[in-house]
Amino acid sequence: MNRTEFKEKAKENIDDLFQQLDQMEQKALEVKGDAKEKLQEKIALLQERKKDLHDRFKNLEKSTDENWTKVVNAFTNGVDAFKETLQQ
């Protein structure tokens, strides 16, 4: 996969993850009690991870040949952290 393809796939991937977060935020409006509190805590953590992942994607977009591998690894780690939080 070349760099352009990777960037396109990365963008699709984070768009999907961010959409899942949006759906979770909508669900939080419907639940009550302890479940709502736990969901809101999870959403707060995901919002932090979203910002981090967005920053990592920006770095990916402007990366050079010299730092491409490092930036890809950082982005991939960010995606993994976001997914892990979603699944908790």
PDB file of N, CA and C in Angstrom:
ATOM      1  N   MET A   1       0.864  -1.172   0.000  1.00  0.00           N
ATOM      2  CA  MET A   1       0.000   0.000   0.000  1.00  0.00           C
ATOM      3  C   MET A   1       0.910   1.234   0.000  1.00  0.00           C
ATOM      4  N   ASN A   2       0.652   2.132  -0.919  1.00  0.00           N
ATOM      5  CA  ASN A   2       1.472   3.343  -0.959  1.00  0.00           C
ATOM      6  C   ASN A   2       0.964   4.369   0.050  1.00  0.00           C
ATOM      7  N   ARG A   3       1.703   5.454   0.157  1.00  0.00           N
ATOM      8  CA  ARG A   3       1.381   6.471   1.173  1.00  0.00           C
ATOM      9  C   ARG A   3      -0.004   7.071   0.964  1.00  0.00           C
ATOM     10  N   THR A   4      -0.349   7.384  -0.265  1.00  0.00           N
ATOM     11  CA  THR A   4      -1.655   7.990  -0.545  1.00  0.00           C
ATOM     12  C   THR A   4      -2.777   7.039  -0.163  1.00  0.00           C
ATOM     13  N   GLU A   5      -2.632   5.784  -0.519  1.00  0.00           N
ATOM     14  CA  GLU A   5      -3.647   4.786  -0.170  1.00  0.00           C
ATOM     15  C   GLU A   5      -3.759   4.629   1.341  1.00  0.00           C
ATOM     16  N   PHE A   6      -2.606   4.630   2.011  1.00  0.00           N
ATOM     17  CA  PHE A   6      -2.628   4.499   3.465  1.00  0.00           C
ATOM     18  C   PHE A   6      -3.353   5.677   4.103  1.00  0.00           C
ATOM     19  N   LYS A   7      -3.075   6.874   3.627  1.00  0.00           N
ATOM     20  CA  LYS A   7      -3.730   8.067   4.174  1.00  0.00           C
ATOM     21  C   LYS A   7      -5.236   8.019   3.944  1.00  0.00           C
ATOM     22  N   GLU A   8      -5.648   7.592   2.759  1.00  0.00           N
ATOM     23  CA  GLU A   8      -7.083   7.494   2.471  1.00  0.00           C
ATOM     24  C   GLU A   8      -7.742   6.470   3.387  1.00  0.00           C
ATOM     25  N   LYS A   9      -7.106   5.328   3.551  1.00  0.00           N
ATOM     26  CA  LYS A   9      -7.642   4.274   4.420  1.00  0.00           C
ATOM     27  C   LYS A   9      -7.666   4.750   5.874  1.00  0.00           C
ATOM     28  N   ALA A  10      -6.630   5.457   6.280  1.00  0.00           N
ATOM     29  CA  ALA A  10      -6.566   5.982   7.645  1.00  0.00           C
ATOM     30  C   ALA A  10      -7.714   6.950   7.893  1.00  0.00           C
ATOM     31  N   LYS A  11      -7.978   7.819   6.927  1.00  0.00           N
ATOM     32  CA  LYS A  11      -9.067   8.788   7.058  1.00  0.00           C
ATOM     33  C   LYS A  11     -10.412   8.068   7.177  1.00  0.00           C
ATOM     34  N   GLU A  12     -10.626   7.059   6.350  1.00  0.00           N
ATOM     35  CA  GLU A  12     -11.864   6.276   6.433  1.00  0.00           C
ATOM     36  C   GLU A  12     -11.987   5.617   7.801  1.00  0.00           C
ATOM     37  N   ASN A  13     -10.881   5.106   8.293  1.00  0.00           N
ATOM     38  CA  ASN A  13     -10.871   4.412   9.571  1.00  0.00           C
ATOM     39  C   ASN A  13     -11.244   5.357  10.717  1.00  0.00           C
ATOM     40  N   ILE A  14     -10.617   6.526  10.768  1.00  0.00           N
ATOM     41  CA  ILE A  14     -10.943   7.432  11.874  1.00  0.00           C
ATOM     42  C   ILE A  14     -12.331   8.022  11.719  1.00  0.00           C
ATOM     43  N   ASP A  15     -12.789   8.227  10.496  1.00  0.00           N
ATOM     44  CA  ASP A  15     -14.166   8.695  10.306  1.00  0.00           C
ATOM     45  C   ASP A  15     -15.152   7.687  10.887  1.00  0.00           C
ATOM     46  N   ASP A  16     -14.883   6.414  10.661  1.00  0.00           N
ATOM     47  CA  ASP A  16     -15.744   5.359  11.202  1.00  0.00           C
ATOM     48  C   ASP A  16     -15.691   5.346  12.728  1.00  0.00           C
ATOM     49  N   LEU A  17     -14.495   5.454  13.279  1.00  0.00           N
ATOM     50  CA  LEU A  17     -14.360   5.466  14.740  1.00  0.00           C
ATOM     51  C   LEU A  17     -15.061   6.665  15.353  1.00  0.00           C
ATOM     52  N   PHE A  18     -14.916   7.817  14.730  1.00  0.00           N
ATOM     53  CA  PHE A  18     -15.545   9.027  15.254  1.00  0.00           C
ATOM     54  C   PHE A  18     -17.069   8.948  15.131  1.00  0.00           C
ATOM     55  N   GLN A  19     -17.552   8.258  14.111  1.00  0.00           N
ATOM     56  CA  GLN A  19     -18.990   8.060  13.973  1.00  0.00           C
ATOM     57  C   GLN A  19     -19.505   7.169  15.109  1.00  0.00           C
ATOM     58  N   GLN A  20     -18.728   6.166  15.472  1.00  0.00           N
ATOM     59  CA  GLN A  20     -19.118   5.312  16.599  1.00  0.00           C
ATOM     60  C   GLN A  20     -19.190   6.122  17.886  1.00  0.00           C
ATOM     61  N   LEU A  21     -18.273   7.050  18.053  1.00  0.00           N
ATOM     62  CA  LEU A  21     -18.303   7.933  19.216  1.00  0.00           C
ATOM     63  C   LEU A  21     -19.556   8.799  19.197  1.00  0.00           C
ATOM     64  N   ASP A  22     -19.895   9.337  18.041  1.00  0.00           N
ATOM     65  CA  ASP A  22     -21.119  10.138  17.913  1.00  0.00           C
ATOM     66  C   ASP A  22     -22.350   9.325  18.308  1.00  0.00           C
ATOM     67  N   GLN A  23     -22.398   8.075  17.887  1.00  0.00           N
ATOM     68  CA  GLN A  23     -23.525   7.206  18.228  1.00  0.00           C
ATOM     69  C   GLN A  23     -23.575   6.949  19.728  1.00  0.00           C
ATOM     70  N   MET A  24     -22.403   6.791  20.331  1.00  0.00           N
ATOM     71  CA  MET A  24     -22.341   6.579  21.767  1.00  0.00           C
ATOM     72  C   MET A  24     -22.845   7.818  22.511  1.00  0.00           C
ATOM     73  N   GLU A  25     -22.496   8.989  22.008  1.00  0.00           N
ATOM     74  CA  GLU A  25     -22.965  10.229  22.629  1.00  0.00           C
ATOM     75  C   GLU A  25     -24.483  10.337  22.531  1.00  0.00           C
ATOM     76  N   GLN A  26     -25.052   9.907  21.437  1.00  0.00           N
ATOM     77  CA  GLN A  26     -26.514   9.911  21.295  1.00  0.00           C
ATOM     78  C   GLN A  26     -27.152   8.922  22.273  1.00  0.00           C
ATOM     79  N   LYS A  27     -26.532   7.765  22.418  1.00  0.00           N
ATOM     80  CA  LYS A  27     -27.039   6.763  23.357  1.00  0.00           C
ATOM     81  C   LYS A  27     -27.010   7.296  24.782  1.00  0.00           C
ATOM     82  N   ALA A  28     -25.979   8.071  25.110  1.00  0.00           N
ATOM     83  CA  ALA A  28     -25.846   8.625  26.467  1.00  0.00           C
ATOM     84  C   ALA A  28     -27.008   9.543  26.805  1.00  0.00           C
ATOM     85  N   LEU A  29     -27.625  10.116  25.810  1.00  0.00           N
ATOM     86  CA  LEU A  29     -28.778  10.982  26.052  1.00  0.00           C
ATOM     87  C   LEU A  29     -30.005  10.183  26.491  1.00  0.00           C
ATOM     88  N   GLU A  30     -30.017   8.895  26.169  1.00  0.00           N
ATOM     89  CA  GLU A  30     -31.179   8.056  26.432  1.00  0.00           C
ATOM     90  C   GLU A  30     -31.091   7.245  27.720  1.00  0.00           C
ATOM     91  N   VAL A  31     -29.876   6.943  28.183  1.00  0.00           N
ATOM     92  CA  VAL A  31     -29.730   6.098  29.366  1.00  0.00           C
ATOM     93  C   VAL A  31     -29.788   6.937  30.634  1.00  0.00           C
ATOM     94  N   LYS A  32     -30.002   6.252  31.744  1.00  0.00           N
ATOM     95  CA  LYS A  32     -30.151   6.937  33.030  1.00  0.00           C
ATOM     96  C   LYS A  32     -29.295   6.254  34.091  1.00  0.00           C
ATOM     97  N   GLY A  33     -29.110   6.929  35.197  1.00  0.00           N
ATOM     98  CA  GLY A  33     -28.473   6.355  36.376  1.00  0.00           C
ATOM     99  C   GLY A  33     -26.997   6.063  36.208  1.00  0.00           C
ATOM    100  N   ASP A  34     -26.583   4.962  36.840  1.00  0.00           N
ATOM    101  CA  ASP A  34     -25.177   4.565  36.828  1.00  0.00           C
ATOM    102  C   ASP A  34     -24.678   4.302  35.414  1.00  0.00           C
ATOM    103  N   ALA A  35     -25.533   3.725  34.589  1.00  0.00           N
ATOM    104  CA  ALA A  35     -25.136   3.432  33.211  1.00  0.00           C
ATOM    105  C   ALA A  35     -24.784   4.717  32.478  1.00  0.00           C
ATOM    106  N   LYS A  36     -25.551   5.767  32.729  1.00  0.00           N
ATOM    107  CA  LYS A  36     -25.291   7.054  32.078  1.00  0.00           C
ATOM    108  C   LYS A  36     -23.958   7.618  32.551  1.00  0.00           C
ATOM    109  N   GLU A  37     -23.707   7.543  33.848  1.00  0.00           N
ATOM    110  CA  GLU A  37     -22.461   8.075  34.402  1.00  0.00           C
ATOM    111  C   GLU A  37     -21.247   7.347  33.825  1.00  0.00           C
ATOM    112  N   LYS A  38     -21.320   6.029  33.754  1.00  0.00           N
ATOM    113  CA  LYS A  38     -20.217   5.241  33.201  1.00  0.00           C
ATOM    114  C   LYS A  38     -20.011   5.564  31.719  1.00  0.00           C
ATOM    115  N   LEU A  39     -21.102   5.697  31.009  1.00  0.00           N
ATOM    116  CA  LEU A  39     -21.017   6.009  29.587  1.00  0.00           C
ATOM    117  C   LEU A  39     -20.421   7.395  29.373  1.00  0.00           C
ATOM    118  N   GLN A  40     -20.786   8.342  30.205  1.00  0.00           N
ATOM    119  CA  GLN A  40     -20.240   9.689  30.084  1.00  0.00           C
ATOM    120  C   GLN A  40     -18.739   9.711  30.380  1.00  0.00           C
ATOM    121  N   GLU A  41     -18.295   8.906  31.329  1.00  0.00           N
ATOM    122  CA  GLU A  41     -16.861   8.807  31.620  1.00  0.00           C
ATOM    123  C   GLU A  41     -16.111   8.237  30.412  1.00  0.00           C
ATOM    124  N   LYS A  42     -16.693   7.211  29.824  1.00  0.00           N
ATOM    125  CA  LYS A  42     -16.081   6.593  28.650  1.00  0.00           C
ATOM    126  C   LYS A  42     -16.034   7.587  27.490  1.00  0.00           C
ATOM    127  N   ILE A  43     -17.091   8.333  27.313  1.00  0.00           N
ATOM    128  CA  ILE A  43     -17.144   9.334  26.242  1.00  0.00           C
ATOM    129  C   ILE A  43     -16.082  10.409  26.463  1.00  0.00           C
ATOM    130  N   ALA A  44     -15.902  10.824  27.699  1.00  0.00           N
ATOM    131  CA  ALA A  44     -14.881  11.836  28.006  1.00  0.00           C
ATOM    132  C   ALA A  44     -13.489  11.326  27.626  1.00  0.00           C
ATOM    133  N   LEU A  45     -13.206  10.087  27.947  1.00  0.00           N
ATOM    134  CA  LEU A  45     -11.917   9.493  27.590  1.00  0.00           C
ATOM    135  C   LEU A  45     -11.782   9.391  26.067  1.00  0.00           C
ATOM    136  N   LEU A  46     -12.854   8.986  25.410  1.00  0.00           N
ATOM    137  CA  LEU A  46     -12.825   8.879  23.954  1.00  0.00           C
ATOM    138  C   LEU A  46     -12.641  10.244  23.290  1.00  0.00           C
ATOM    139  N   GLN A  47     -13.198  11.278  23.883  1.00  0.00           N
ATOM    140  CA  GLN A  47     -13.011  12.629  23.335  1.00  0.00           C
ATOM    141  C   GLN A  47     -11.529  13.019  23.385  1.00  0.00           C
ATOM    142  N   GLU A  48     -10.858  12.662  24.477  1.00  0.00           N
ATOM    143  CA  GLU A  48      -9.419  12.919  24.578  1.00  0.00           C
ATOM    144  C   GLU A  48      -8.662  12.128  23.514  1.00  0.00           C
ATOM    145  N   ARG A  49      -9.026  10.872  23.369  1.00  0.00           N
ATOM    146  CA  ARG A  49      -8.365  10.019  22.374  1.00  0.00           C
ATOM    147  C   ARG A  49      -8.669  10.509  20.955  1.00  0.00           C
ATOM    148  N   LYS A  50      -9.857  11.056  20.759  1.00  0.00           N
ATOM    149  CA  LYS A  50     -10.224  11.587  19.447  1.00  0.00           C
ATOM    150  C   LYS A  50      -9.310  12.753  19.074  1.00  0.00           C
ATOM    151  N   LYS A  51      -9.105  13.652  20.014  1.00  0.00           N
ATOM    152  CA  LYS A  51      -8.222  14.790  19.755  1.00  0.00           C
ATOM    153  C   LYS A  51      -6.812  14.302  19.432  1.00  0.00           C
ATOM    154  N   ASP A  52      -6.324  13.358  20.229  1.00  0.00           N
ATOM    155  CA  ASP A  52      -4.993  12.798  20.005  1.00  0.00           C
ATOM    156  C   ASP A  52      -4.905  12.134  18.632  1.00  0.00           C
ATOM    157  N   LEU A  53      -5.913  11.365  18.286  1.00  0.00           N
ATOM    158  CA  LEU A  53      -5.920  10.661  17.002  1.00  0.00           C
ATOM    159  C   LEU A  53      -6.002  11.649  15.845  1.00  0.00           C
ATOM    160  N   HIS A  54      -6.766  12.696  16.015  1.00  0.00           N
ATOM    161  CA  HIS A  54      -6.857  13.738  14.987  1.00  0.00           C
ATOM    162  C   HIS A  54      -5.480  14.385  14.783  1.00  0.00           C
ATOM    163  N   ASP A  55      -4.785  14.669  15.874  1.00  0.00           N
ATOM    164  CA  ASP A  55      -3.436  15.249  15.778  1.00  0.00           C
ATOM    165  C   ASP A  55      -2.475  14.285  15.091  1.00  0.00           C
ATOM    166  N   ARG A  56      -2.574  13.015  15.424  1.00  0.00           N
ATOM    167  CA  ARG A  56      -1.706  12.015  14.794  1.00  0.00           C
ATOM    168  C   ARG A  56      -1.997  11.916  13.296  1.00  0.00           C
ATOM    169  N   PHE A  57      -3.263  12.055  12.926  1.00  0.00           N
ATOM    170  CA  PHE A  57      -3.605  12.019  11.503  1.00  0.00           C
ATOM    171  C   PHE A  57      -3.020  13.236  10.782  1.00  0.00           C
ATOM    172  N   LYS A  58      -3.072  14.399  11.408  1.00  0.00           N
ATOM    173  CA  LYS A  58      -2.460  15.601  10.813  1.00  0.00           C
ATOM    174  C   LYS A  58      -0.969  15.372  10.592  1.00  0.00           C
ATOM    175  N   ASN A  59      -0.312  14.769  11.572  1.00  0.00           N
ATOM    176  CA  ASN A  59       1.108  14.459  11.424  1.00  0.00           C
ATOM    177  C   ASN A  59       1.344  13.485  10.278  1.00  0.00           C
ATOM    178  N   LEU A  60       0.443  12.546  10.116  1.00  0.00           N
ATOM    179  CA  LEU A  60       0.535  11.580   9.031  1.00  0.00           C
ATOM    180  C   LEU A  60       0.443  12.290   7.677  1.00  0.00           C
ATOM    181  N   GLU A  61      -0.471  13.222   7.589  1.00  0.00           N
ATOM    182  CA  GLU A  61      -0.667  13.938   6.331  1.00  0.00           C
ATOM    183  C   GLU A  61       0.558  14.754   5.933  1.00  0.00           C
ATOM    184  N   LYS A  62       1.276  15.293   6.895  1.00  0.00           N
ATOM    185  CA  LYS A  62       2.406  16.159   6.561  1.00  0.00           C
ATOM    186  C   LYS A  62       3.760  15.488   6.785  1.00  0.00           C
ATOM    187  N   SER A  63       3.752  14.175   6.973  1.00  0.00           N
ATOM    188  CA  SER A  63       4.996  13.465   7.242  1.00  0.00           C
ATOM    189  C   SER A  63       5.919  13.458   6.021  1.00  0.00           C
ATOM    190  N   THR A  64       7.185  13.283   6.317  1.00  0.00           N
ATOM    191  CA  THR A  64       8.200  13.189   5.264  1.00  0.00           C
ATOM    192  C   THR A  64       8.612  11.733   5.103  1.00  0.00           C
ATOM    193  N   ASP A  65       9.388  11.476   4.082  1.00  0.00           N
ATOM    194  CA  ASP A  65       9.894  10.115   3.887  1.00  0.00           C
ATOM    195  C   ASP A  65      10.724   9.654   5.082  1.00  0.00           C
ATOM    196  N   GLU A  66      11.454  10.587   5.669  1.00  0.00           N
ATOM    197  CA  GLU A  66      12.346  10.244   6.770  1.00  0.00           C
ATOM    198  C   GLU A  66      11.588   9.806   8.028  1.00  0.00           C
ATOM    199  N   ASN A  67      10.432  10.384   8.269  1.00  0.00           N
ATOM    200  CA  ASN A  67       9.715  10.033   9.506  1.00  0.00           C
ATOM    201  C   ASN A  67       8.422   9.256   9.257  1.00  0.00           C
ATOM    202  N   TRP A  68       8.204   8.799   8.044  1.00  0.00           N
ATOM    203  CA  TRP A  68       6.963   8.113   7.673  1.00  0.00           C
ATOM    204  C   TRP A  68       6.671   6.916   8.590  1.00  0.00           C
ATOM    205  N   THR A  69       7.633   6.041   8.767  1.00  0.00           N
ATOM    206  CA  THR A  69       7.413   4.834   9.572  1.00  0.00           C
ATOM    207  C   THR A  69       7.066   5.190  11.010  1.00  0.00           C
ATOM    208  N   LYS A  70       7.771   6.143  11.563  1.00  0.00           N
ATOM    209  CA  LYS A  70       7.510   6.569  12.940  1.00  0.00           C
ATOM    210  C   LYS A  70       6.094   7.147  13.069  1.00  0.00           C
ATOM    211  N   VAL A  71       5.697   7.958  12.115  1.00  0.00           N
ATOM    212  CA  VAL A  71       4.378   8.593  12.151  1.00  0.00           C
ATOM    213  C   VAL A  71       3.279   7.551  11.950  1.00  0.00           C
ATOM    214  N   VAL A  72       3.499   6.604  11.059  1.00  0.00           N
ATOM    215  CA  VAL A  72       2.517   5.532  10.839  1.00  0.00           C
ATOM    216  C   VAL A  72       2.344   4.708  12.106  1.00  0.00           C
ATOM    217  N   ASN A  73       3.445   4.379  12.755  1.00  0.00           N
ATOM    218  CA  ASN A  73       3.367   3.603  13.996  1.00  0.00           C
ATOM    219  C   ASN A  73       2.613   4.369  15.084  1.00  0.00           C
ATOM    220  N   ALA A  74       2.887   5.659  15.200  1.00  0.00           N
ATOM    221  CA  ALA A  74       2.192   6.478  16.197  1.00  0.00           C
ATOM    222  C   ALA A  74       0.699   6.536  15.891  1.00  0.00           C
ATOM    223  N   PHE A  75       0.350   6.713  14.623  1.00  0.00           N
ATOM    224  CA  PHE A  75      -1.054   6.755  14.227  1.00  0.00           C
ATOM    225  C   PHE A  75      -1.739   5.422  14.535  1.00  0.00           C
ATOM    226  N   THR A  76      -1.093   4.337  14.167  1.00  0.00           N
ATOM    227  CA  THR A  76      -1.660   3.005  14.394  1.00  0.00           C
ATOM    228  C   THR A  76      -1.868   2.747  15.883  1.00  0.00           C
ATOM    229  N   ASN A  77      -0.916   3.172  16.700  1.00  0.00           N
ATOM    230  CA  ASN A  77      -1.071   3.026  18.154  1.00  0.00           C
ATOM    231  C   ASN A  77      -2.257   3.839  18.660  1.00  0.00           C
ATOM    232  N   GLY A  78      -2.457   5.031  18.100  1.00  0.00           N
ATOM    233  CA  GLY A  78      -3.591   5.861  18.477  1.00  0.00           C
ATOM    234  C   GLY A  78      -4.916   5.208  18.112  1.00  0.00           C
ATOM    235  N   VAL A  79      -4.976   4.626  16.924  1.00  0.00           N
ATOM    236  CA  VAL A  79      -6.188   3.915  16.488  1.00  0.00           C
ATOM    237  C   VAL A  79      -6.461   2.747  17.433  1.00  0.00           C
ATOM    238  N   ASP A  80      -5.424   1.993  17.747  1.00  0.00           N
ATOM    239  CA  ASP A  80      -5.590   0.844  18.646  1.00  0.00           C
ATOM    240  C   ASP A  80      -6.101   1.278  20.019  1.00  0.00           C
ATOM    241  N   ALA A  81      -5.571   2.375  20.547  1.00  0.00           N
ATOM    242  CA  ALA A  81      -6.013   2.877  21.853  1.00  0.00           C
ATOM    243  C   ALA A  81      -7.477   3.302  21.802  1.00  0.00           C
ATOM    244  N   PHE A  82      -7.867   3.967  20.720  1.00  0.00           N
ATOM    245  CA  PHE A  82      -9.254   4.402  20.565  1.00  0.00           C
ATOM    246  C   PHE A  82     -10.182   3.181  20.510  1.00  0.00           C
ATOM    247  N   LYS A  83      -9.816   2.200  19.687  1.00  0.00           N
ATOM    248  CA  LYS A  83     -10.634   0.988  19.551  1.00  0.00           C
ATOM    249  C   LYS A  83     -10.743   0.243  20.889  1.00  0.00           C
ATOM    250  N   GLU A  84      -9.638   0.167  21.600  1.00  0.00           N
ATOM    251  CA  GLU A  84      -9.648  -0.522  22.887  1.00  0.00           C
ATOM    252  C   GLU A  84     -10.616   0.162  23.858  1.00  0.00           C
ATOM    253  N   THR A  85     -10.609   1.477  23.874  1.00  0.00           N
ATOM    254  CA  THR A  85     -11.511   2.217  24.746  1.00  0.00           C
ATOM    255  C   THR A  85     -12.962   2.009  24.323  1.00  0.00           C
ATOM    256  N   LEU A  86     -13.212   1.967  23.025  1.00  0.00           N
ATOM    257  CA  LEU A  86     -14.571   1.730  22.538  1.00  0.00           C
ATOM    258  C   LEU A  86     -15.089   0.372  23.021  1.00  0.00           C
ATOM    259  N   GLN A  87     -14.216  -0.600  23.059  1.00  0.00           N
ATOM    260  CA  GLN A  87     -14.636  -1.971  23.382  1.00  0.00           C
ATOM    261  C   GLN A  87     -14.763  -2.231  24.877  1.00  0.00           C
ATOM    262  N   GLN A  88     -14.298  -1.312  25.708  1.00  0.00           N
ATOM    263  CA  GLN A  88     -14.364  -1.515  27.158  1.00  0.00           C
ATOM    264  C   GLN A  88     -15.776  -1.402  27.666  1.00  0.00           C
TER     265      GLN A  88
END
